[in-house]
């Protein structure tokens, strides 16, 4: 399974990067390819290319704010392949979040 996503929180510091790390760790432990873009205090890092989004089986948006480039995910949204959650949900129970993503 190939998963891409974006993490972002209002302060753009701790939760953004902690959520990225949790998603990457859980996905890798399940043997998935994963790439997570962060939109934090340092700006956009690890930016997703459109072809990476198009090739993904699922998208996770762990965001608590509006993010730049959200329109990139519209086709996946129309396909029912986008899960939007709060970064805090990822930190509380990443296993359940990725379980939800698998069912999409």
N, C-alpha and C. Protein backbone atom coordinates (compact mmCIF):
# COMPACT_ATOMS: atom_id res chain seq x y z
N UNK A 1 0.85 -1.17 0.00
CA UNK A 1 0.00 0.00 0.00
C UNK A 1 0.89 1.23 0.00
N UNK A 2 0.50 2.23 -0.77
CA UNK A 2 1.24 3.48 -0.82
C UNK A 2 0.37 4.58 -0.22
N UNK A 3 0.92 5.26 0.77
CA UNK A 3 0.19 6.30 1.49
C UNK A 3 0.97 7.60 1.42
N UNK A 4 0.25 8.68 1.15
CA UNK A 4 0.81 10.03 1.22
C UNK A 4 -0.08 10.86 2.12
N UNK A 5 0.45 11.99 2.57
CA UNK A 5 -0.37 12.84 3.42
C UNK A 5 0.29 14.15 3.76
N UNK A 6 -0.44 14.92 4.54
CA UNK A 6 0.03 16.23 5.01
C UNK A 6 -0.29 16.33 6.50
N UNK A 7 0.64 16.88 7.25
CA UNK A 7 0.38 17.20 8.65
C UNK A 7 0.56 18.70 8.84
N UNK A 8 -0.33 19.29 9.65
CA UNK A 8 -0.25 20.72 9.95
C UNK A 8 -1.08 21.01 11.19
N UNK A 9 -0.54 21.85 12.06
CA UNK A 9 -1.27 22.29 13.25
C UNK A 9 -1.17 23.82 13.34
N UNK A 10 -2.00 24.43 14.18
CA UNK A 10 -2.01 25.90 14.25
C UNK A 10 -0.65 26.54 14.55
N UNK A 11 0.09 25.97 15.48
CA UNK A 11 1.39 26.56 15.82
C UNK A 11 2.47 26.15 14.82
N UNK A 12 2.25 25.03 14.16
CA UNK A 12 3.21 24.57 13.16
C UNK A 12 4.52 24.07 13.74
N UNK A 13 4.43 23.60 14.97
CA UNK A 13 5.66 23.15 15.62
C UNK A 13 5.50 21.68 16.02
N UNK A 14 5.21 21.43 17.25
CA UNK A 14 5.27 20.06 17.79
C UNK A 14 4.33 19.07 17.12
N UNK A 15 3.03 19.34 17.13
CA UNK A 15 2.08 18.35 16.63
C UNK A 15 2.28 18.04 15.14
N UNK A 16 2.67 19.01 14.36
CA UNK A 16 2.91 18.79 12.93
C UNK A 16 3.95 17.69 12.74
N UNK A 17 5.07 17.83 13.41
CA UNK A 17 6.18 16.90 13.22
C UNK A 17 5.99 15.60 13.99
N UNK A 18 5.34 15.66 15.14
CA UNK A 18 5.06 14.44 15.89
C UNK A 18 4.06 13.57 15.12
N UNK A 19 3.07 14.19 14.50
CA UNK A 19 2.10 13.43 13.71
C UNK A 19 2.77 12.80 12.50
N UNK A 20 3.65 13.56 11.84
CA UNK A 20 4.39 13.01 10.70
C UNK A 20 5.16 11.76 11.13
N UNK A 21 5.88 11.88 12.21
CA UNK A 21 6.70 10.77 12.69
C UNK A 21 5.84 9.55 13.04
N UNK A 22 4.71 9.77 13.70
CA UNK A 22 3.83 8.66 14.08
C UNK A 22 3.27 7.95 12.85
N UNK A 23 2.83 8.71 11.87
CA UNK A 23 2.27 8.12 10.65
C UNK A 23 3.35 7.31 9.92
N UNK A 24 4.51 7.90 9.75
CA UNK A 24 5.59 7.21 9.04
C UNK A 24 5.99 5.93 9.76
N UNK A 25 6.11 5.99 11.06
CA UNK A 25 6.53 4.82 11.84
C UNK A 25 5.50 3.69 11.72
N UNK A 26 4.22 4.02 11.88
CA UNK A 26 3.17 2.99 11.82
C UNK A 26 3.07 2.40 10.42
N UNK A 27 3.13 3.24 9.40
CA UNK A 27 3.04 2.74 8.02
C UNK A 27 4.22 1.85 7.68
N UNK A 28 5.41 2.25 8.08
CA UNK A 28 6.59 1.44 7.80
C UNK A 28 6.53 0.11 8.53
N UNK A 29 5.98 0.11 9.75
CA UNK A 29 5.87 -1.14 10.50
C UNK A 29 4.91 -2.12 9.82
N UNK A 30 3.99 -1.58 9.00
CA UNK A 30 3.04 -2.42 8.25
C UNK A 30 3.56 -2.73 6.84
N UNK A 31 4.74 -2.24 6.52
CA UNK A 31 5.34 -2.51 5.23
C UNK A 31 4.84 -1.63 4.10
N UNK A 32 4.27 -0.47 4.43
CA UNK A 32 3.72 0.45 3.42
C UNK A 32 4.76 1.47 2.99
N UNK A 33 4.65 1.90 1.73
CA UNK A 33 5.41 3.06 1.27
C UNK A 33 4.68 4.28 1.80
N UNK A 34 5.41 5.24 2.32
CA UNK A 34 4.76 6.42 2.91
C UNK A 34 5.61 7.66 2.68
N UNK A 35 4.92 8.75 2.39
CA UNK A 35 5.57 10.06 2.30
C UNK A 35 4.60 11.09 2.88
N UNK A 36 5.08 11.83 3.86
CA UNK A 36 4.25 12.82 4.54
C UNK A 36 4.88 14.21 4.39
N UNK A 37 4.09 15.12 3.84
CA UNK A 37 4.47 16.52 3.72
C UNK A 37 4.12 17.22 5.02
N UNK A 38 4.99 18.09 5.49
CA UNK A 38 4.66 18.90 6.67
C UNK A 38 4.50 20.35 6.24
N UNK A 39 3.51 20.99 6.84
CA UNK A 39 3.33 22.43 6.66
C UNK A 39 3.36 23.03 8.05
N UNK A 40 4.57 23.39 8.46
CA UNK A 40 4.78 23.88 9.81
C UNK A 40 5.44 25.23 9.83
N UNK A 41 6.06 25.52 10.94
CA UNK A 41 6.70 26.82 11.14
C UNK A 41 7.86 27.06 10.17
N UNK A 42 8.38 25.98 9.60
CA UNK A 42 9.49 26.07 8.65
C UNK A 42 8.98 26.14 7.21
N UNK A 43 7.65 26.26 7.04
CA UNK A 43 7.07 26.26 5.70
C UNK A 43 6.75 24.84 5.26
N UNK A 44 6.65 24.63 3.97
CA UNK A 44 6.34 23.30 3.44
C UNK A 44 7.64 22.52 3.30
N UNK A 45 7.66 21.35 3.90
CA UNK A 45 8.82 20.47 3.81
C UNK A 45 8.37 19.12 3.28
N UNK A 46 9.26 18.44 2.57
CA UNK A 46 8.97 17.11 2.02
C UNK A 46 7.75 17.18 1.10
N UNK A 47 7.69 18.24 0.29
CA UNK A 47 6.51 18.52 -0.53
C UNK A 47 6.16 17.37 -1.47
N UNK A 48 4.88 17.03 -1.50
CA UNK A 48 4.38 15.96 -2.37
C UNK A 48 4.24 16.45 -3.80
N UNK A 49 4.69 15.64 -4.73
CA UNK A 49 4.49 15.91 -6.15
C UNK A 49 3.14 15.35 -6.56
N UNK A 50 2.53 15.91 -7.59
CA UNK A 50 1.21 15.45 -8.02
C UNK A 50 1.24 13.98 -8.42
N UNK A 51 2.30 13.52 -9.06
CA UNK A 51 2.35 12.11 -9.46
C UNK A 51 2.40 11.19 -8.25
N UNK A 52 3.01 11.62 -7.16
CA UNK A 52 3.03 10.82 -5.93
C UNK A 52 1.63 10.70 -5.35
N UNK A 53 0.88 11.79 -5.40
CA UNK A 53 -0.50 11.78 -4.91
C UNK A 53 -1.35 10.89 -5.80
N UNK A 54 -1.20 11.02 -7.11
CA UNK A 54 -1.98 10.23 -8.06
C UNK A 54 -1.74 8.74 -7.91
N UNK A 55 -0.50 8.35 -7.59
CA UNK A 55 -0.14 6.94 -7.46
C UNK A 55 -0.50 6.34 -6.11
N UNK A 56 -0.85 7.17 -5.14
CA UNK A 56 -1.13 6.68 -3.78
C UNK A 56 -2.45 5.92 -3.72
N UNK A 57 -2.45 4.93 -2.84
CA UNK A 57 -3.68 4.17 -2.58
C UNK A 57 -4.60 4.93 -1.64
N UNK A 58 -4.02 5.76 -0.77
CA UNK A 58 -4.81 6.51 0.20
C UNK A 58 -4.03 7.76 0.63
N UNK A 59 -4.80 8.75 1.10
CA UNK A 59 -4.23 10.01 1.56
C UNK A 59 -4.71 10.26 2.98
N UNK A 60 -3.79 10.67 3.84
CA UNK A 60 -4.16 11.08 5.19
C UNK A 60 -3.82 12.56 5.35
N UNK A 61 -4.81 13.31 5.77
CA UNK A 61 -4.62 14.73 6.07
C UNK A 61 -4.79 14.88 7.58
N UNK A 62 -3.69 14.95 8.28
CA UNK A 62 -3.70 15.14 9.73
C UNK A 62 -3.50 16.63 9.96
N UNK A 63 -4.60 17.37 9.84
CA UNK A 63 -4.51 18.83 9.80
C UNK A 63 -5.53 19.46 10.75
N UNK A 64 -5.12 20.55 11.35
CA UNK A 64 -6.00 21.32 12.23
C UNK A 64 -6.19 22.73 11.69
N UNK A 65 -5.65 22.97 10.50
CA UNK A 65 -5.75 24.27 9.83
C UNK A 65 -5.92 24.02 8.34
N UNK A 66 -6.28 25.06 7.60
CA UNK A 66 -6.27 24.94 6.15
C UNK A 66 -4.82 24.87 5.68
N UNK A 67 -4.59 24.03 4.67
CA UNK A 67 -3.22 23.87 4.18
C UNK A 67 -3.11 24.35 2.75
N UNK A 68 -1.90 24.72 2.36
CA UNK A 68 -1.64 25.13 0.99
C UNK A 68 -1.72 23.92 0.07
N UNK A 69 -2.34 24.09 -1.06
CA UNK A 69 -2.38 23.04 -2.06
C UNK A 69 -3.36 21.92 -1.80
N UNK A 70 -4.37 22.18 -0.99
CA UNK A 70 -5.33 21.12 -0.66
C UNK A 70 -6.07 20.62 -1.91
N UNK A 71 -6.16 21.46 -2.94
CA UNK A 71 -6.85 21.07 -4.17
C UNK A 71 -6.13 19.91 -4.87
N UNK A 72 -4.88 19.66 -4.54
CA UNK A 72 -4.13 18.54 -5.13
C UNK A 72 -4.78 17.20 -4.82
N UNK A 73 -5.59 17.15 -3.77
CA UNK A 73 -6.17 15.90 -3.30
C UNK A 73 -7.62 15.70 -3.73
N UNK A 74 -8.15 16.62 -4.55
CA UNK A 74 -9.57 16.57 -4.93
C UNK A 74 -9.96 15.26 -5.61
N UNK A 75 -9.14 14.76 -6.52
CA UNK A 75 -9.48 13.52 -7.22
C UNK A 75 -9.53 12.34 -6.24
N UNK A 76 -8.58 12.28 -5.34
CA UNK A 76 -8.58 11.22 -4.32
C UNK A 76 -9.79 11.37 -3.39
N UNK A 77 -10.15 12.61 -3.10
CA UNK A 77 -11.33 12.88 -2.26
C UNK A 77 -12.58 12.34 -2.95
N UNK A 78 -12.71 12.61 -4.25
CA UNK A 78 -13.86 12.13 -5.01
C UNK A 78 -13.92 10.61 -5.04
N UNK A 79 -12.77 9.96 -4.95
CA UNK A 79 -12.70 8.50 -4.95
C UNK A 79 -12.92 7.90 -3.56
N UNK A 80 -13.08 8.76 -2.55
CA UNK A 80 -13.24 8.28 -1.17
C UNK A 80 -11.96 7.74 -0.58
N UNK A 81 -10.83 8.30 -1.01
CA UNK A 81 -9.52 7.80 -0.59
C UNK A 81 -8.77 8.78 0.31
N UNK A 82 -9.49 9.76 0.88
CA UNK A 82 -8.84 10.75 1.76
C UNK A 82 -9.44 10.67 3.15
N UNK A 83 -8.59 10.47 4.13
CA UNK A 83 -9.00 10.48 5.54
C UNK A 83 -8.46 11.76 6.17
N UNK A 84 -9.37 12.57 6.71
CA UNK A 84 -8.97 13.81 7.38
C UNK A 84 -9.19 13.65 8.88
N UNK A 85 -8.13 13.86 9.64
CA UNK A 85 -8.17 13.71 11.10
C UNK A 85 -7.39 14.86 11.74
N UNK A 86 -7.60 15.04 13.02
CA UNK A 86 -6.82 16.01 13.79
C UNK A 86 -5.44 15.41 14.08
N UNK A 87 -4.40 16.23 14.08
CA UNK A 87 -3.08 15.70 14.46
C UNK A 87 -3.10 15.04 15.83
N UNK A 88 -3.90 15.57 16.76
CA UNK A 88 -3.97 14.98 18.10
C UNK A 88 -4.55 13.57 18.06
N UNK A 89 -5.46 13.28 17.12
CA UNK A 89 -6.00 11.92 16.98
C UNK A 89 -4.90 10.95 16.56
N UNK A 90 -4.03 11.40 15.70
CA UNK A 90 -2.90 10.58 15.26
C UNK A 90 -2.01 10.25 16.45
N UNK A 91 -1.78 11.24 17.29
CA UNK A 91 -0.89 11.04 18.44
C UNK A 91 -1.53 10.17 19.51
N UNK A 92 -2.85 10.24 19.64
CA UNK A 92 -3.55 9.44 20.66
C UNK A 92 -3.63 7.97 20.27
N UNK A 93 -3.92 7.68 18.98
CA UNK A 93 -4.16 6.30 18.58
C UNK A 93 -3.87 6.10 17.10
N UNK A 94 -2.60 6.10 16.74
CA UNK A 94 -2.20 5.98 15.34
C UNK A 94 -2.65 4.65 14.75
N UNK A 95 -2.67 3.60 15.54
CA UNK A 95 -3.08 2.29 15.03
C UNK A 95 -4.50 2.34 14.47
N UNK A 96 -5.43 2.93 15.21
CA UNK A 96 -6.81 3.04 14.75
C UNK A 96 -6.93 3.93 13.51
N UNK A 97 -6.14 4.99 13.47
CA UNK A 97 -6.18 5.90 12.32
C UNK A 97 -5.75 5.16 11.05
N UNK A 98 -4.67 4.42 11.13
CA UNK A 98 -4.20 3.69 9.94
C UNK A 98 -5.14 2.54 9.62
N UNK A 99 -5.76 1.94 10.62
CA UNK A 99 -6.79 0.91 10.37
C UNK A 99 -7.93 1.51 9.55
N UNK A 100 -8.36 2.73 9.90
CA UNK A 100 -9.42 3.42 9.15
C UNK A 100 -8.98 3.66 7.71
N UNK A 101 -7.75 4.06 7.54
CA UNK A 101 -7.21 4.35 6.21
C UNK A 101 -7.21 3.08 5.35
N UNK A 102 -6.88 1.96 5.95
CA UNK A 102 -6.86 0.69 5.22
C UNK A 102 -8.23 0.31 4.69
N UNK A 103 -9.27 0.68 5.40
CA UNK A 103 -10.64 0.29 5.03
C UNK A 103 -11.22 1.16 3.92
N UNK A 104 -10.51 2.20 3.53
CA UNK A 104 -11.02 3.10 2.50
C UNK A 104 -10.87 2.51 1.12
